[in-house]
Protein backbone atom coordinates (compact mmCIF):
# COMPACT_ATOMS: atom_id res chain seq x y z
CA MET A 1 0.00 0.00 0.00
CA VAL A 2 1.20 3.46 -0.83
CA GLN A 3 0.63 6.27 1.63
CA ILE A 4 1.38 9.88 0.76
CA LEU A 5 1.69 12.63 3.36
CA LEU A 6 2.03 16.27 2.39
CA MET A 7 3.40 18.44 5.17
CA GLY A 8 3.54 22.22 5.23
CA SER A 9 2.24 22.65 1.68
CA LYS A 10 1.04 26.17 2.43
CA ARG A 11 4.21 27.32 4.11
CA LYS A 12 7.31 28.86 2.64
CA LYS A 13 9.48 26.13 4.08
CA PRO A 14 10.40 23.24 1.78
CA VAL A 15 7.61 20.74 1.27
CA THR A 16 8.42 17.29 2.55
CA HIS A 17 6.93 14.29 0.76
CA VAL A 18 7.12 10.91 2.46
CA TRP A 19 6.45 7.65 0.64
CA TRP A 20 6.42 4.20 2.11
CA ILE A 21 7.34 2.13 -0.94
CA THR A 22 7.72 -1.61 -0.40
CA GLY A 23 9.23 -0.96 3.00
CA MET A 24 11.52 1.90 1.87
CA ILE A 25 11.27 5.49 3.07
CA VAL A 26 11.67 8.32 0.58
CA LEU A 27 12.30 11.82 1.93
CA VAL A 28 12.10 14.55 -0.67
CA MET A 29 13.29 17.97 0.51
CA ALA A 30 12.24 20.25 -2.33
CA GLY A 31 14.72 22.99 -3.02
CA ALA A 32 17.44 21.65 -0.72
CA PRO A 33 19.93 19.70 -2.86
CA ILE A 34 23.47 19.20 -1.62
CA PRO A 35 26.36 20.73 -3.56
CA ALA A 36 27.77 18.85 -6.48
CA ALA A 37 31.24 17.36 -6.41
CA ALA A 38 33.83 20.05 -5.80
CA SER A 39 36.07 21.21 -8.61
CA PRO A 40 39.40 19.37 -8.52
CA CYS A 41 41.05 22.81 -8.81
CA HIS A 42 39.31 24.24 -5.74
CA GLN A 43 42.46 24.37 -3.61
CA PHE A 44 43.58 27.96 -4.05
CA PRO A 45 47.25 28.71 -3.22
CA TRP A 46 46.56 31.46 -0.69
CA PRO A 47 49.51 33.64 0.36
CA ASP A 48 50.29 34.77 3.90
CA PRO A 49 50.05 38.56 3.69
CA GLU A 50 52.70 40.54 5.53
CA PRO A 51 52.95 42.68 7.53
CA PRO A 52 50.09 41.74 9.90
CA GLY A 53 47.46 44.19 11.01
CA LEU A 54 44.63 45.75 9.01
CA TYR A 55 46.30 44.64 5.78
CA ALA A 56 46.13 40.98 6.75
CA GLU A 57 42.77 41.22 8.52
CA THR A 58 41.00 42.63 5.47
CA PHE A 59 42.46 39.97 3.21
CA GLN A 60 41.62 37.23 5.70
CA ALA A 61 38.02 38.45 5.94
CA ALA A 62 37.68 38.14 2.16
CA ARG A 63 39.27 34.70 2.15
CA THR A 64 37.03 33.43 4.97
CA ALA A 65 33.91 34.72 3.25
CA LEU A 66 34.90 33.05 -0.01
CA GLU A 67 35.65 29.72 1.66
CA ASN A 68 32.24 29.87 3.36
CA GLY A 69 30.48 30.42 0.06
CA LEU A 70 29.64 34.09 0.73
CA ARG A 71 30.63 35.40 -2.67
CA ASP A 72 29.13 38.87 -2.38
CA GLU A 73 30.79 39.46 0.98
CA ALA A 74 34.10 38.11 -0.31
CA GLU A 75 33.95 40.42 -3.32
CA ARG A 76 33.24 43.42 -1.09
CA TRP A 77 36.25 42.68 1.14
CA PHE A 78 38.51 42.00 -1.84
CA ARG A 79 37.58 45.34 -3.42
CA ILE A 80 38.28 47.16 -0.16
CA PHE A 81 41.61 45.37 0.05
CA LEU A 82 42.58 46.19 -3.56
CA GLN A 83 41.72 49.86 -3.12
CA LYS A 84 44.27 50.12 -0.30
CA TYR A 85 46.81 47.56 -1.50
CA PRO A 86 46.65 47.28 -5.33
CA GLN A 87 50.08 45.68 -5.68
CA GLY A 88 51.88 42.71 -4.15
CA PRO A 89 51.37 38.95 -3.83
CA ALA A 90 48.13 39.24 -1.89
CA ALA A 91 46.69 41.73 -4.40
CA GLU A 92 47.57 39.33 -7.19
CA ALA A 93 45.84 36.51 -5.33
CA ALA A 94 42.73 38.65 -4.84
CA LYS A 95 42.53 39.41 -8.57
CA PHE A 96 42.79 35.75 -9.52
CA ALA A 97 40.22 34.72 -6.91
CA MET A 98 37.75 37.39 -8.02
CA ALA A 99 38.14 36.35 -11.65
CA THR A 100 36.15 33.17 -10.94
CA PHE A 101 33.10 35.04 -9.66
CA VAL A 102 30.27 34.30 -12.08
CA THR A 103 28.30 37.38 -13.06
CA GLU A 104 24.52 37.17 -12.97
CA THR A 105 23.97 39.43 -15.98
CA HIS A 106 24.43 36.68 -18.59
CA ASP A 107 22.95 33.31 -19.38
CA SER A 108 24.85 30.31 -18.03
CA GLU A 109 26.99 29.94 -21.15
CA GLY A 110 27.90 33.61 -21.36
CA ALA A 111 28.73 33.67 -17.65
CA PHE A 112 31.27 30.84 -17.70
CA LEU A 113 32.86 32.17 -20.88
CA ASP A 114 33.29 35.54 -19.15
CA VAL A 115 35.09 33.80 -16.29
CA ILE A 116 37.38 31.98 -18.71
CA ALA A 117 38.18 35.25 -20.50
CA ARG A 118 39.10 36.94 -17.21
CA LEU A 119 41.31 34.03 -16.17
CA ARG A 120 43.06 34.02 -19.54
CA ALA A 121 43.67 37.78 -19.31
CA LEU A 122 45.22 37.41 -15.85
CA ARG A 123 47.45 34.56 -17.04
CA GLN A 124 48.73 36.78 -19.85
CA ARG A 125 49.26 39.69 -17.45
CA TYR A 126 50.98 37.58 -14.79
CA PRO A 127 52.53 34.62 -16.69
CA ASP A 128 54.94 33.80 -13.86
CA SER A 129 52.37 34.13 -11.09
CA PRO A 130 51.99 31.17 -8.71
CA TYR A 131 48.26 31.45 -9.47
CA ALA A 132 48.68 31.03 -13.23
CA PRO A 133 48.66 27.19 -13.06
CA TRP A 134 45.59 27.25 -10.82
CA ALA A 135 43.85 29.55 -13.32
CA LEU A 136 44.57 27.14 -16.18
CA CYS A 137 43.15 24.27 -14.15
CA GLN A 138 40.03 26.36 -13.52
CA ILE A 139 39.74 27.19 -17.22
CA GLY A 140 39.63 23.48 -18.04
CA GLU A 141 37.08 22.85 -15.32
CA PHE A 142 34.80 25.69 -16.43
CA TYR A 143 34.93 24.39 -19.99
CA ARG A 144 34.10 20.87 -18.77
CA GLN A 145 31.16 21.98 -16.66
CA GLY A 146 29.90 24.04 -19.59
CA GLY A 147 29.95 21.00 -21.86
CA TRP A 148 32.83 22.24 -24.03
CA TYR A 149 34.70 18.96 -23.74
CA GLN A 150 37.25 19.45 -26.50
CA GLU A 151 38.23 22.86 -25.12
CA ALA A 152 38.47 21.38 -21.63
CA LYS A 153 40.71 18.61 -22.95
CA GLY A 154 42.96 21.22 -24.54
CA ALA A 155 43.25 23.23 -21.32
CA PHE A 156 44.08 20.15 -19.22
CA GLU A 157 46.67 19.00 -21.75
CA GLN A 158 48.20 22.48 -21.81
CA PHE A 159 48.54 22.33 -18.02
CA LEU A 160 50.17 18.89 -18.02
CA THR A 161 52.66 20.02 -20.67
CA ALA A 162 53.51 23.31 -18.97
CA TYR A 163 53.49 22.14 -15.33
CA PRO A 164 54.15 18.36 -15.26
CA ASP A 165 55.42 18.34 -11.67
CA HIS A 166 53.05 20.90 -10.19
CA PRO A 167 51.16 20.01 -6.97
CA LEU A 168 47.89 20.49 -8.90
CA THR A 169 48.82 17.84 -11.47
CA PRO A 170 46.72 15.04 -9.89
CA ALA A 171 43.79 17.46 -9.58
CA VAL A 172 44.10 18.27 -13.28
CA LEU A 173 44.16 14.55 -14.07
CA ILE A 174 40.95 14.13 -12.06
CA GLY A 175 39.39 16.89 -14.15
CA ALA A 176 40.69 15.31 -17.37
CA GLY A 177 39.28 11.93 -16.36
CA ARG A 178 35.89 13.41 -15.57
CA ASN A 179 35.98 15.21 -18.90
CA PHE A 180 36.50 11.89 -20.68
CA LEU A 181 33.59 10.45 -18.70
CA ASP A 182 31.36 13.39 -19.61
CA SER A 183 32.18 12.93 -23.29
CA ARG A 184 31.65 9.14 -23.02
CA HIS A 185 35.25 8.11 -23.61
CA HIS A 186 35.16 5.53 -20.86
CA LEU A 187 38.39 3.68 -21.62
CA GLU A 188 40.39 6.91 -21.74
CA ALA A 189 38.82 7.99 -18.46
CA ALA A 190 39.75 4.71 -16.79
CA LEU A 191 43.36 5.02 -17.94
CA VAL A 192 43.64 8.52 -16.48
CA PHE A 193 42.17 7.49 -13.13
CA ARG A 194 44.40 4.40 -13.00
CA ARG A 195 47.45 6.62 -13.56
CA ILE A 196 46.59 8.50 -10.35
CA LEU A 197 46.21 5.29 -8.35
CA ASP A 198 49.63 4.12 -9.57
CA GLU A 199 51.41 7.16 -8.10
CA PRO A 200 52.06 6.86 -4.31
CA ALA A 201 52.69 10.60 -3.95
CA TRP A 202 49.09 11.29 -5.03
CA HIS A 203 47.46 9.16 -2.34
CA THR A 204 45.18 11.98 -1.18
CA PHE A 205 43.47 11.79 -4.58
CA TYR A 206 42.97 8.02 -4.45
CA PRO A 207 39.27 8.13 -3.42
CA ASP A 208 38.39 10.51 -6.27
CA ALA A 209 40.32 8.36 -8.73
CA ALA A 210 38.69 5.17 -7.43
CA LEU A 211 35.25 6.70 -7.87
CA GLY A 212 36.23 7.72 -11.39
CA LEU A 213 37.25 4.13 -12.11
CA ALA A 214 33.93 2.88 -10.71
CA ASP A 215 31.96 5.28 -12.91
CA SER A 216 34.07 4.39 -15.95
CA ALA A 217 33.52 0.68 -15.40
CA ALA A 218 29.80 1.09 -14.84
CA ALA A 219 29.41 3.27 -17.93
CA ALA A 220 31.18 0.53 -19.92
CA GLN A 221 28.93 -2.11 -18.26
CA ALA A 222 31.88 -3.81 -16.58
CA TRP A 223 29.65 -4.45 -13.60
CA ASP A 224 31.96 -6.56 -11.42
CA GLN A 225 34.77 -4.01 -11.63
CA ALA A 226 32.33 -1.20 -10.98
CA GLN A 227 30.97 -2.84 -7.85
CA TYR A 228 34.50 -3.47 -6.53
CA TRP A 229 35.45 0.19 -6.84
CA TYR A 230 32.13 1.53 -5.54
CA ASP A 231 32.48 -0.68 -2.47
CA ALA A 232 36.05 0.56 -1.97
CA VAL A 233 34.98 4.22 -2.11
CA SER A 234 31.96 3.56 0.09
CA LEU A 235 34.18 2.19 2.83
CA GLU A 236 36.49 5.20 2.89
CA ARG A 237 34.67 8.24 1.46
CA PRO A 238 30.95 7.50 0.96
CA GLU A 239 30.21 11.23 0.72
CA LEU A 240 31.99 11.32 -2.63
CA ILE A 241 29.36 9.01 -4.11
CA ARG A 242 26.53 11.01 -2.57
CA SER A 243 27.94 14.25 -4.00
CA SER A 244 27.59 13.01 -7.58
CA ALA A 245 24.26 12.30 -9.29
CA ARG A 246 26.11 10.39 -11.99
CA SER A 247 27.85 8.14 -9.46
CA LEU A 248 24.59 7.42 -7.63
CA TYR A 249 22.82 6.57 -10.87
CA LEU A 250 25.63 4.37 -12.19
CA ARG A 251 25.97 2.63 -8.83
CA GLY A 252 22.24 1.95 -9.01
CA LEU A 253 22.67 0.40 -12.46
CA THR A 254 25.53 -1.68 -11.08
CA ALA A 255 23.29 -2.97 -8.31
CA LEU A 256 20.57 -3.77 -10.86
CA ALA A 257 23.05 -5.76 -12.93
CA HIS A 258 23.74 -7.86 -9.82
CA ASP A 259 19.98 -8.30 -9.07
CA GLN A 260 20.30 -6.13 -5.96
CA ILE A 261 16.96 -4.37 -6.46
CA PRO A 262 16.60 -2.68 -3.02
CA GLN A 263 20.16 -1.34 -3.23
CA ALA A 264 19.53 -0.05 -6.75
CA MET A 265 16.36 1.74 -5.66
CA GLU A 266 18.23 3.27 -2.73
CA GLN A 267 20.82 4.80 -5.06
CA PHE A 268 18.19 6.11 -7.49
CA LEU A 269 16.19 7.61 -4.63
CA MET A 270 19.29 9.23 -3.20
CA ALA A 271 20.04 10.85 -6.55
CA PHE A 272 16.47 12.14 -6.65
CA ASN A 273 16.67 13.49 -3.10
CA LEU A 274 20.11 15.07 -3.27
CA HIS A 275 20.37 16.20 -6.90
CA PRO A 276 16.79 16.79 -8.07
CA HIS A 277 17.66 18.59 -11.32
CA ALA A 278 20.79 16.74 -12.45
CA ASP A 279 20.69 15.00 -15.83
CA ALA A 280 21.49 11.62 -14.30
CA THR A 281 18.61 12.05 -11.86
CA GLY A 282 16.16 12.18 -14.76
CA HIS A 283 17.33 8.73 -15.81
CA ALA A 284 17.18 7.56 -12.18
CA MET A 285 13.55 8.69 -11.90
CA ASN A 286 12.57 6.65 -14.95
CA ARG A 287 14.39 3.61 -13.59
CA LEU A 288 12.48 4.01 -10.33
CA SER A 289 9.24 4.25 -12.28
CA GLU A 290 10.01 1.00 -14.11
CA LEU A 291 10.95 -0.83 -10.92
CA LEU A 292 7.87 0.36 -9.04
CA LEU A 293 5.54 -0.56 -11.91
CA THR A 294 6.86 -4.13 -11.86
CA ARG A 295 5.93 -4.23 -8.16
CA GLY A 296 2.42 -2.91 -8.66
CA ALA A 297 3.15 0.45 -7.00
CA GLU A 298 1.41 2.40 -9.75
CA VAL A 299 0.92 5.79 -8.11
CA PRO A 300 4.55 6.44 -7.06
CA ALA A 301 5.76 4.88 -10.32
CA LEU A 302 3.67 7.29 -12.39
CA TRP A 303 4.65 10.17 -10.12
CA PHE A 304 8.36 9.63 -10.78
CA ALA A 305 7.73 9.32 -14.54
CA ASP A 306 5.67 12.51 -14.43
CA GLN A 307 8.45 14.33 -12.58
CA ALA A 308 10.88 13.31 -15.33
CA ILE A 309 8.46 14.70 -17.91
CA LYS A 310 8.08 18.02 -16.09
CA ARG A 311 11.76 18.54 -15.26
CA PHE A 312 13.12 17.45 -18.65
CA PRO A 313 10.29 18.23 -21.10
CA ASP A 314 12.45 18.39 -24.24
CA ARG A 315 15.12 15.87 -23.23
CA ILE A 316 15.45 12.12 -23.48
CA GLN A 317 14.54 11.81 -19.79
CA GLY A 318 11.19 13.49 -20.40
CA ARG A 319 10.46 11.47 -23.53
CA THR A 320 11.22 8.27 -21.64
CA GLY A 321 8.86 9.35 -18.86
CA ARG A 322 6.06 9.97 -21.38
CA MET A 323 6.68 6.56 -22.90
CA LEU A 324 6.38 4.92 -19.46
CA VAL A 325 3.08 6.68 -18.71
CA LEU A 326 1.67 5.79 -22.13
CA ARG A 327 2.79 2.18 -21.83
CA TRP A 328 1.13 1.93 -18.43
CA ALA A 329 -2.12 3.50 -19.72
CA ILE A 330 -2.31 1.05 -22.64
CA GLN A 331 -1.65 -1.90 -20.36
CA ASP A 332 -4.16 -0.61 -17.84
CA LEU A 333 -6.87 -0.34 -20.50
CA ALA A 334 -6.17 -3.90 -21.57
CA ASN A 335 -6.36 -5.21 -18.00
CA ARG A 336 -9.42 -3.31 -16.73
CA LYS A 337 -12.75 -4.40 -18.16
CA GLU A 338 -14.96 -2.22 -16.00
CA SER A 339 -14.49 1.55 -16.01
CA ARG A 340 -15.52 1.58 -12.35
CA GLU A 341 -12.24 -0.18 -11.52
CA ALA A 342 -10.27 2.47 -13.36
CA ASP A 343 -12.07 5.19 -11.46
CA ASP A 344 -10.31 4.09 -8.26
CA ILE A 345 -6.92 5.39 -9.41
CA ARG A 346 -8.03 8.53 -11.26
CA PRO A 347 -8.52 10.70 -8.14
CA ARG A 348 -5.10 9.77 -6.80
CA LEU A 349 -3.43 10.67 -10.09
CA ALA A 350 -5.34 13.96 -10.23
CA GLU A 351 -4.25 14.86 -6.70
CA LEU A 352 -0.64 14.43 -7.77
CA GLY A 353 -1.13 16.44 -10.95
CA ILE A 354 -0.20 13.47 -13.14
CA ALA A 355 -1.42 13.74 -16.70
CA VAL A 356 -2.48 10.56 -18.52
CA PRO A 357 -3.40 10.20 -22.21
CA LEU A 358 -6.79 11.68 -23.09
CA SER A 359 -7.78 8.39 -24.71
CA TRP A 360 -7.70 6.71 -21.30
CA HIS A 361 -11.41 6.48 -20.39
């Protein structure tokens, strides 16, 4: 039996939906996703400003605000700092840090291209700066996140050629491996991640590389290898898996391949809960819909398919969701001989705002 509770639907706080689905609890906190996996280039080489006093305090206030995600406050402190101290190592650091601030006056593509242009300009102005390698790493990462995979590949390769022994080299390799994954070059991705695991000096990056290997194996349907690496990461850094919608979805597929249905549903549900608008989550929602339909849980199954339709209306995830709803409606018409039986489910679907084909009478 499926029970649906809606709490606080008229309040401004996030609405919590609770489903009891075949013994599993689903908590959906609308509008409260966790951050995605951090950029491999996020470690900024901060200087220690000297002399101490107001000079250092102002810079430290900007740094603290930035590290706490308070971008506007960080920008305000950096500008105050640069007005008083426009030259020197700390001023240079402030300029590079501020270059990554995404403006809100452009669409998403224009914004990340603006950031890349600012970082390139600073690299040309300060070619010998200790922040120049970091900026190149960020350029590759911004290209990757924007879906410009060939440009990202070029930036990462430029870094590895120019700074082969730099402390950021393993971070750049992580970015390059993820870029191969994003562009569906799974073998190349696996080779990059394996290179990191073969270098003892890069041991702090082992969990990220292991997760990359797990995702690469799962994407290539090498299910046994994928499960091995997912289990390894889960033992040491399970938060890495939770921070990635792709990893959760692929781990769910890995569990499905091993007939571990409850574990697969857990991963798909976690992707839905933690990353509600990620591309991989759309696929996870449709997988949940399929699994729930096979168990006779029609209402939650159709709800997940409907959510995929609404969140990805012009994407493959939405088209798959529409196919699932249509397939269910056709099967339902074939199975139900009396319209009175069909009437039992109509009110529940209407309450959830789920649209079914008009031909379903």
